N, C-alpha and C. Protein backbone atom coordinates (compact mmCIF):
# COMPACT_ATOMS: atom_id res chain seq x y z
N UNK A 1 0.75 -1.41 -0.10
CA UNK A 1 -0.11 -0.52 0.32
C UNK A 1 0.54 1.12 -0.21
N UNK A 2 0.88 2.37 -0.73
CA UNK A 2 1.72 3.40 -0.87
C UNK A 2 1.19 4.24 0.22
N UNK A 3 2.32 5.31 0.50
CA UNK A 3 1.89 6.01 1.63
C UNK A 3 1.33 7.37 0.71
N UNK A 4 1.01 7.94 1.90
CA UNK A 4 0.20 9.35 1.17
C UNK A 4 0.99 10.13 1.55
N UNK A 5 1.45 11.40 0.56
CA UNK A 5 2.43 12.35 1.05
C UNK A 5 2.06 13.20 2.01
N UNK A 6 0.71 13.14 2.77
CA UNK A 6 0.63 14.00 4.10
C UNK A 6 1.34 13.39 5.21
N UNK A 7 1.72 12.58 5.00
CA UNK A 7 2.32 11.59 6.49
C UNK A 7 3.74 11.54 6.51
N UNK A 8 4.34 12.50 5.75
CA UNK A 8 5.96 13.41 6.00
C UNK A 8 6.84 12.14 5.86
N UNK A 9 8.37 12.21 5.64
CA UNK A 9 8.73 11.56 5.23
C UNK A 9 9.45 9.94 6.22
N UNK A 10 9.35 8.78 5.56
CA UNK A 10 9.46 7.57 5.81
C UNK A 10 10.78 7.66 7.16
N UNK A 11 10.69 6.29 7.90
CA UNK A 11 11.83 6.18 8.35
C UNK A 11 13.02 6.00 7.75
N UNK A 12 12.55 4.66 6.71
CA UNK A 12 14.27 4.90 5.85
C UNK A 12 14.74 5.99 5.37
N UNK A 13 13.53 7.21 4.72
CA UNK A 13 14.03 8.71 4.70
C UNK A 13 14.65 9.63 5.82
N UNK A 14 14.79 9.31 6.43
CA UNK A 14 14.97 9.98 8.15
C UNK A 14 16.24 9.30 8.29
N UNK A 15 16.70 8.13 8.41
CA UNK A 15 18.05 7.30 8.70
C UNK A 15 18.58 7.56 7.48
N UNK A 16 18.76 7.83 6.47
CA UNK A 16 19.33 7.45 5.00
C UNK A 16 20.11 9.47 5.55
N UNK A 17 18.80 10.00 5.34
CA UNK A 17 18.71 11.55 5.72
C UNK A 17 20.30 11.34 6.73
N UNK A 18 19.79 10.82 8.15
CA UNK A 18 20.93 11.33 8.94
C UNK A 18 22.15 10.40 8.65
N UNK A 19 22.39 10.09 8.44
CA UNK A 19 23.62 8.91 7.39
C UNK A 19 24.44 10.03 6.63
N UNK A 20 23.57 10.44 5.80
CA UNK A 20 24.16 11.55 5.36
C UNK A 20 24.59 12.72 5.78
N UNK A 21 24.10 13.25 6.51
CA UNK A 21 24.08 14.42 7.26
C UNK A 21 25.43 14.22 7.65
N UNK A 22 25.86 12.83 8.48
CA UNK A 22 26.91 12.68 9.21
C UNK A 22 28.36 12.99 8.15
N UNK A 23 28.01 11.98 6.91
CA UNK A 23 29.00 11.94 5.96
C UNK A 23 29.51 13.37 5.97
N UNK A 24 28.31 14.13 5.14
CA UNK A 24 28.19 15.37 4.78
C UNK A 24 29.57 15.90 5.81
N UNK A 25 29.24 16.03 6.92
CA UNK A 25 29.95 17.17 8.08
C UNK A 25 31.05 16.77 7.93
N UNK A 26 31.19 15.02 7.67
CA UNK A 26 33.03 14.81 8.34
C UNK A 26 33.27 15.62 7.01
N UNK A 27 32.56 15.50 5.86
CA UNK A 27 33.76 15.62 4.61
C UNK A 27 34.38 17.26 4.33
N UNK A 28 33.19 18.08 5.19
CA UNK A 28 33.43 19.52 5.06
C UNK A 28 34.29 19.71 6.52
N UNK A 29 34.31 19.04 7.46
CA UNK A 29 35.10 18.97 8.14
C UNK A 29 36.73 18.75 8.36
N UNK A 30 36.97 17.83 7.08
CA UNK A 30 38.39 17.75 6.52
C UNK A 30 38.87 18.28 5.68
N UNK A 31 38.22 19.40 5.23
CA UNK A 31 38.61 20.25 3.89
C UNK A 31 38.84 19.99 2.77
N UNK A 32 37.60 19.14 3.07
CA UNK A 32 38.07 18.37 1.46
C UNK A 32 37.85 19.07 -0.14
N UNK A 33 37.11 20.10 0.34
CA UNK A 33 36.32 20.91 -0.87
C UNK A 33 37.30 22.05 -1.06
N UNK A 34 37.65 21.71 -2.03
CA UNK A 34 38.95 22.82 -2.62
C UNK A 34 37.76 24.41 -2.72
N UNK A 35 37.80 25.35 -2.36
CA UNK A 35 37.11 26.66 -2.59
C UNK A 35 37.16 27.65 -1.41
N UNK A 36 38.10 28.62 -1.40
CA UNK A 36 38.98 29.63 -0.37
C UNK A 36 37.05 30.09 0.48
N UNK A 37 36.49 30.01 0.06
CA UNK A 37 34.73 30.24 0.84
C UNK A 37 34.52 29.34 1.82
N UNK A 38 34.74 28.07 0.78
CA UNK A 38 34.27 26.66 2.22
C UNK A 38 35.35 26.31 2.79
N UNK A 39 36.30 26.55 2.70
CA UNK A 39 37.51 26.41 3.22
C UNK A 39 37.61 26.99 4.32
N UNK A 40 37.03 28.01 4.38
CA UNK A 40 37.48 29.23 5.52
C UNK A 40 36.08 29.96 6.47
N UNK A 41 35.83 28.76 5.91
CA UNK A 41 34.55 29.44 6.77
C UNK A 41 33.73 27.93 7.45
N UNK A 42 32.99 27.78 8.58
CA UNK A 42 32.70 26.69 9.74
C UNK A 42 30.89 26.33 9.17
N UNK A 43 30.96 25.49 8.24
CA UNK A 43 29.52 25.02 8.16
C UNK A 43 28.76 24.02 8.98
N UNK A 44 27.74 24.26 9.16
CA UNK A 44 26.70 23.36 10.12
C UNK A 44 26.04 22.77 9.11
N UNK A 45 25.97 22.06 9.23
CA UNK A 45 25.15 20.99 9.01
C UNK A 45 23.82 20.60 9.42
N UNK A 46 22.67 20.84 9.13
CA UNK A 46 21.52 21.25 10.73
C UNK A 46 20.82 19.70 10.35
N UNK A 47 20.51 19.78 8.35
CA UNK A 47 19.55 18.39 8.30
C UNK A 47 20.02 18.01 6.57
N UNK A 48 19.67 17.01 6.46
CA UNK A 48 19.25 16.36 5.34
C UNK A 48 17.89 15.89 5.13
N UNK A 49 17.08 16.24 3.68
CA UNK A 49 15.88 15.81 3.59
C UNK A 49 16.41 14.61 2.18
N UNK A 50 16.26 13.59 2.46
CA UNK A 50 16.06 12.58 1.56
C UNK A 50 15.18 12.56 0.85
N UNK A 51 14.67 13.21 -0.85
CA UNK A 51 13.53 12.31 -1.71
C UNK A 51 13.35 11.11 -1.56
N UNK A 52 12.07 10.94 -1.33
CA UNK A 52 11.27 9.24 -1.76
C UNK A 52 12.17 8.47 -2.35
N UNK A 53 12.68 8.34 -3.53
CA UNK A 53 13.44 7.49 -3.93
C UNK A 53 14.53 7.26 -3.46
N UNK A 54 15.16 8.18 -2.63
CA UNK A 54 16.59 8.61 -2.19
C UNK A 54 17.74 8.91 -3.30
N UNK A 55 17.39 9.88 -4.33
CA UNK A 55 18.27 9.89 -5.25
C UNK A 55 18.68 11.53 -5.29
N UNK A 56 17.70 12.33 -4.18
CA UNK A 56 18.34 13.20 -4.28
C UNK A 56 18.60 13.74 -2.46
N UNK A 57 19.08 14.48 -2.31
CA UNK A 57 19.73 14.81 -0.57
C UNK A 57 19.74 16.66 -0.52
N UNK A 58 19.23 16.77 0.33
CA UNK A 58 18.51 18.41 0.05
C UNK A 58 19.17 18.88 1.54
N UNK A 59 20.59 19.43 1.25
CA UNK A 59 21.14 19.57 2.82
C UNK A 59 21.13 20.84 3.02
N UNK A 60 21.00 21.30 4.07
CA UNK A 60 20.36 22.41 4.67
C UNK A 60 21.28 22.31 5.45
N UNK A 61 22.20 24.18 5.62
CA UNK A 61 23.38 24.63 5.98
C UNK A 61 23.59 25.60 6.35
N UNK A 62 24.04 26.12 7.80
CA UNK A 62 23.87 27.36 8.25
C UNK A 62 25.59 27.74 8.41
N UNK A 63 26.27 28.74 7.44
CA UNK A 63 27.51 28.70 7.32
C UNK A 63 27.63 30.08 8.41
N UNK A 64 28.70 29.52 9.42
CA UNK A 64 28.97 30.57 10.68
C UNK A 64 29.93 31.28 10.57
N UNK A 65 29.56 32.56 10.96
CA UNK A 65 30.59 33.64 11.02
C UNK A 65 30.60 33.98 9.44
N UNK A 66 30.05 33.30 8.39
CA UNK A 66 30.22 34.29 6.71
C UNK A 66 29.57 35.55 6.91
N UNK A 67 30.11 36.47 5.87
CA UNK A 67 29.48 37.52 5.25
C UNK A 67 28.70 37.49 5.01
N UNK A 68 28.54 36.30 3.73
CA UNK A 68 27.88 36.12 2.56
C UNK A 68 27.11 34.17 2.92
N UNK A 69 26.04 34.54 3.29
CA UNK A 69 26.09 33.49 3.67
C UNK A 69 24.88 32.49 2.47
N UNK A 70 24.52 33.18 1.12
CA UNK A 70 23.99 32.99 -0.07
C UNK A 70 25.65 32.67 -0.88
N UNK A 71 26.31 33.64 -0.63
CA UNK A 71 27.66 32.97 -1.56
C UNK A 71 28.49 31.80 -0.95
N UNK A 72 28.34 31.19 0.19
CA UNK A 72 28.62 29.67 0.55
C UNK A 72 28.11 28.80 0.15
N UNK A 73 26.49 28.91 0.10
CA UNK A 73 25.68 28.12 -0.37
C UNK A 73 25.65 27.86 -1.52
N UNK A 74 25.76 29.07 -2.49
CA UNK A 74 26.29 28.71 -4.41
C UNK A 74 27.43 28.39 -4.11
N UNK A 75 28.00 28.20 -3.60
CA UNK A 75 30.02 27.38 -3.86
C UNK A 75 29.56 25.88 -3.44
N UNK A 76 28.96 25.94 -2.38
CA UNK A 76 28.67 24.29 -2.15
C UNK A 76 28.11 23.62 -2.98
N UNK A 77 26.23 24.06 -4.27
CA UNK A 77 25.86 23.83 -5.21
C UNK A 77 26.68 23.75 -6.56
N UNK A 78 27.87 24.66 -6.26
CA UNK A 78 29.16 24.50 -7.23
C UNK A 78 29.54 23.34 -7.17
N UNK A 79 30.14 23.11 -6.02
CA UNK A 79 30.90 21.58 -6.15
C UNK A 79 30.28 20.59 -5.64
N UNK A 80 28.76 20.80 -5.97
CA UNK A 80 27.87 19.87 -5.58
C UNK A 80 28.43 18.04 -6.07
N UNK A 81 28.66 17.82 -7.85
CA UNK A 81 29.47 16.95 -7.83
C UNK A 81 30.83 16.62 -7.44
N UNK A 82 31.37 17.47 -6.88
CA UNK A 82 32.96 16.55 -6.66
C UNK A 82 32.51 16.08 -5.29
N UNK A 83 31.20 17.01 -4.68
CA UNK A 83 31.16 16.01 -3.38
C UNK A 83 30.23 15.03 -3.28
N UNK A 84 29.75 14.51 -4.07
CA UNK A 84 28.82 13.84 -4.68
C UNK A 84 29.94 12.46 -4.88
N UNK A 85 31.20 13.03 -5.32
CA UNK A 85 31.93 11.68 -5.92
C UNK A 85 32.70 11.72 -4.54
N UNK A 86 33.37 12.33 -3.57
CA UNK A 86 34.00 12.03 -2.31
C UNK A 86 32.95 11.53 -1.28
N UNK A 87 31.65 11.40 -1.21
CA UNK A 87 30.59 10.77 -0.55
C UNK A 87 30.74 9.24 -0.64
N UNK A 88 31.04 8.67 -2.10
CA UNK A 88 30.83 7.31 -2.31
C UNK A 88 31.22 6.47 -0.86
N UNK A 89 32.88 6.23 -0.96
CA UNK A 89 33.13 5.49 0.27
C UNK A 89 32.13 5.12 1.75
N UNK A 90 32.00 6.81 2.70
CA UNK A 90 31.61 6.87 3.30
C UNK A 90 29.75 5.99 3.04
N UNK A 91 29.22 5.88 1.93
CA UNK A 91 27.88 5.90 1.30
C UNK A 91 27.74 4.72 0.86
N UNK A 92 28.71 3.91 0.56
CA UNK A 92 28.83 2.26 -0.34
C UNK A 92 27.56 1.80 -0.52
N UNK A 93 27.15 1.69 1.00
CA UNK A 93 25.40 0.69 0.74
C UNK A 93 24.53 1.31 0.78
N UNK A 94 24.67 2.25 -0.07
CA UNK A 94 22.96 3.00 -0.93
C UNK A 94 23.35 2.79 -2.41
N UNK A 95 22.62 2.41 -3.13
CA UNK A 95 22.26 1.67 -4.56
C UNK A 95 22.85 3.02 -5.11
N UNK A 96 21.87 3.97 -4.78
CA UNK A 96 22.38 5.21 -6.39
C UNK A 96 23.09 6.13 -5.05
N UNK A 97 24.27 6.75 -5.22
CA UNK A 97 24.80 7.96 -5.14
C UNK A 97 23.22 9.14 -4.89
N UNK A 98 23.22 9.81 -3.78
CA UNK A 98 22.10 10.90 -4.16
C UNK A 98 22.77 11.99 -5.07
N UNK A 99 21.88 12.77 -6.04
CA UNK A 99 22.49 14.36 -6.39
C UNK A 99 22.21 15.37 -5.06
N UNK A 100 23.28 15.96 -5.04
CA UNK A 100 23.35 17.09 -3.93
C UNK A 100 23.11 18.17 -4.20
N UNK A 101 21.83 18.93 -3.20
CA UNK A 101 21.42 20.54 -3.39
C UNK A 101 21.61 20.82 -2.00
N UNK A 102 22.17 22.03 -1.72
CA UNK A 102 22.33 22.96 -0.75
C UNK A 102 21.23 23.77 -0.93
N UNK A 103 20.60 24.73 0.84
CA UNK A 103 19.68 25.11 0.55
C UNK A 103 19.84 25.87 2.18
N UNK A 104 20.10 27.41 2.68
CA UNK A 104 20.29 27.84 3.44
C UNK A 104 19.58 27.91 4.76
N UNK A 105 19.96 27.17 5.63
CA UNK A 105 18.85 27.29 6.74
C UNK A 105 18.56 28.18 7.77
N UNK A 106 16.82 28.59 7.56
CA UNK A 106 17.03 29.33 8.67
C UNK A 106 16.20 29.62 9.72
N UNK A 107 15.95 27.58 10.31
CA UNK A 107 15.34 27.84 11.06
C UNK A 107 15.99 28.52 12.36
N UNK A 108 17.32 28.83 12.22
CA UNK A 108 17.96 29.59 13.78
C UNK A 108 17.28 30.84 13.88
N UNK A 109 17.12 31.41 12.46
CA UNK A 109 16.78 33.00 12.47
C UNK A 109 15.14 32.54 12.84
N UNK A 110 14.17 32.18 12.83
CA UNK A 110 13.20 31.37 13.10
C UNK A 110 12.66 31.25 14.49
N UNK A 111 13.80 30.28 14.98
CA UNK A 111 13.94 30.45 16.03
C UNK A 111 13.99 31.67 17.60
N UNK A 112 15.05 32.44 16.95
CA UNK A 112 15.35 33.80 17.76
C UNK A 112 14.08 34.81 17.51
N UNK A 113 13.47 34.93 16.26
CA UNK A 113 11.95 35.03 16.17
C UNK A 113 11.05 35.48 17.34
N UNK A 114 11.08 33.64 17.41
CA UNK A 114 10.10 33.59 18.55
C UNK A 114 10.38 33.56 20.01
N UNK A 115 11.87 33.41 19.82
CA UNK A 115 12.50 33.77 21.53
C UNK A 115 12.22 34.85 21.72
N UNK A 116 12.25 36.46 20.82
CA UNK A 116 12.01 37.70 21.15
C UNK A 116 10.73 37.86 21.15
N UNK A 117 10.09 37.39 20.65
CA UNK A 117 8.52 37.46 20.60
C UNK A 117 8.23 36.86 21.82
N UNK A 118 8.93 35.80 22.27
CA UNK A 118 8.22 35.63 23.75
C UNK A 118 8.70 36.54 25.15
N UNK A 119 9.73 36.98 24.91
CA UNK A 119 10.69 37.71 25.68
C UNK A 119 10.21 39.17 25.68
N UNK A 120 9.68 39.28 24.38
CA UNK A 120 8.84 41.13 24.61
C UNK A 120 8.32 41.50 25.76
N UNK A 121 7.62 42.56 25.95
CA UNK A 121 6.84 43.15 27.13
C UNK A 121 5.45 42.95 27.15
N UNK A 122 5.19 43.14 25.94
CA UNK A 122 3.93 42.74 25.66
C UNK A 122 3.18 41.70 26.11
N UNK A 123 4.27 40.37 25.57
CA UNK A 123 3.74 38.81 26.16
C UNK A 123 3.47 38.91 27.52
N UNK A 124 4.98 39.32 27.98
CA UNK A 124 4.95 39.24 29.24
C UNK A 124 4.33 40.00 30.81
N UNK A 125 3.47 40.73 29.33
CA UNK A 125 2.65 41.74 30.48
C UNK A 125 1.17 40.79 30.27
N UNK A 126 1.14 39.99 29.21
CA UNK A 126 0.00 38.71 29.32
C UNK A 126 -0.12 37.91 30.12
N UNK A 127 1.39 37.19 29.96
CA UNK A 127 1.87 36.19 30.84
C UNK A 127 1.74 36.50 32.60
N UNK A 128 1.98 37.85 33.03
CA UNK A 128 1.85 37.80 34.41
C UNK A 128 0.17 37.97 34.79
N UNK A 129 -0.60 38.56 33.69
CA UNK A 129 -1.73 38.37 33.98
C UNK A 129 -2.68 37.53 33.98
N UNK A 130 -2.76 36.84 33.00
CA UNK A 130 -3.02 35.35 33.24
C UNK A 130 -2.28 34.29 34.11
N UNK A 131 -1.39 34.75 35.30
CA UNK A 131 -0.97 34.25 36.24
C UNK A 131 -1.41 35.20 37.81
N UNK A 132 -2.52 36.42 37.20
CA UNK A 132 -2.65 36.69 38.76
C UNK A 132 -4.32 36.16 38.68
N UNK A 133 -4.69 35.38 37.15
CA UNK A 133 -6.27 35.43 36.96
C UNK A 133 -6.40 34.15 37.71
N UNK A 134 -4.93 33.10 37.68
CA UNK A 134 -5.11 31.93 38.42
C UNK A 134 -5.52 31.94 39.78
N UNK A 135 -4.57 32.43 40.54
CA UNK A 135 -4.46 32.96 42.22
C UNK A 135 -6.34 32.93 42.62
């Protein structure tokens, strides 16, 4: 029975995505990609989402301390074929080596916006008001 698209990623997609994330992090940490921008930037790989057929890996990255995050993501996408080739030994159990796509991870920005909102004076006032009504 085929899975519906609304149920989210399968356990297999999640497991393989995590394996790819670890292998990609190791590759970037070793400095195997010869690009000045990539070599001089610490890149955090927060998540890798696999397509249902496991042939496309979308890596969400956060360049730490980079002046131009988009330029780092663009450089990674330029080197995607090289990265794919270098990942083969680490992912030899896979039938097909996935095609890599890199996207900027904006989840940290979203977390900060939510945190700022929760600590805003308006929310704090409303929370104090709710506490007073409970007593």
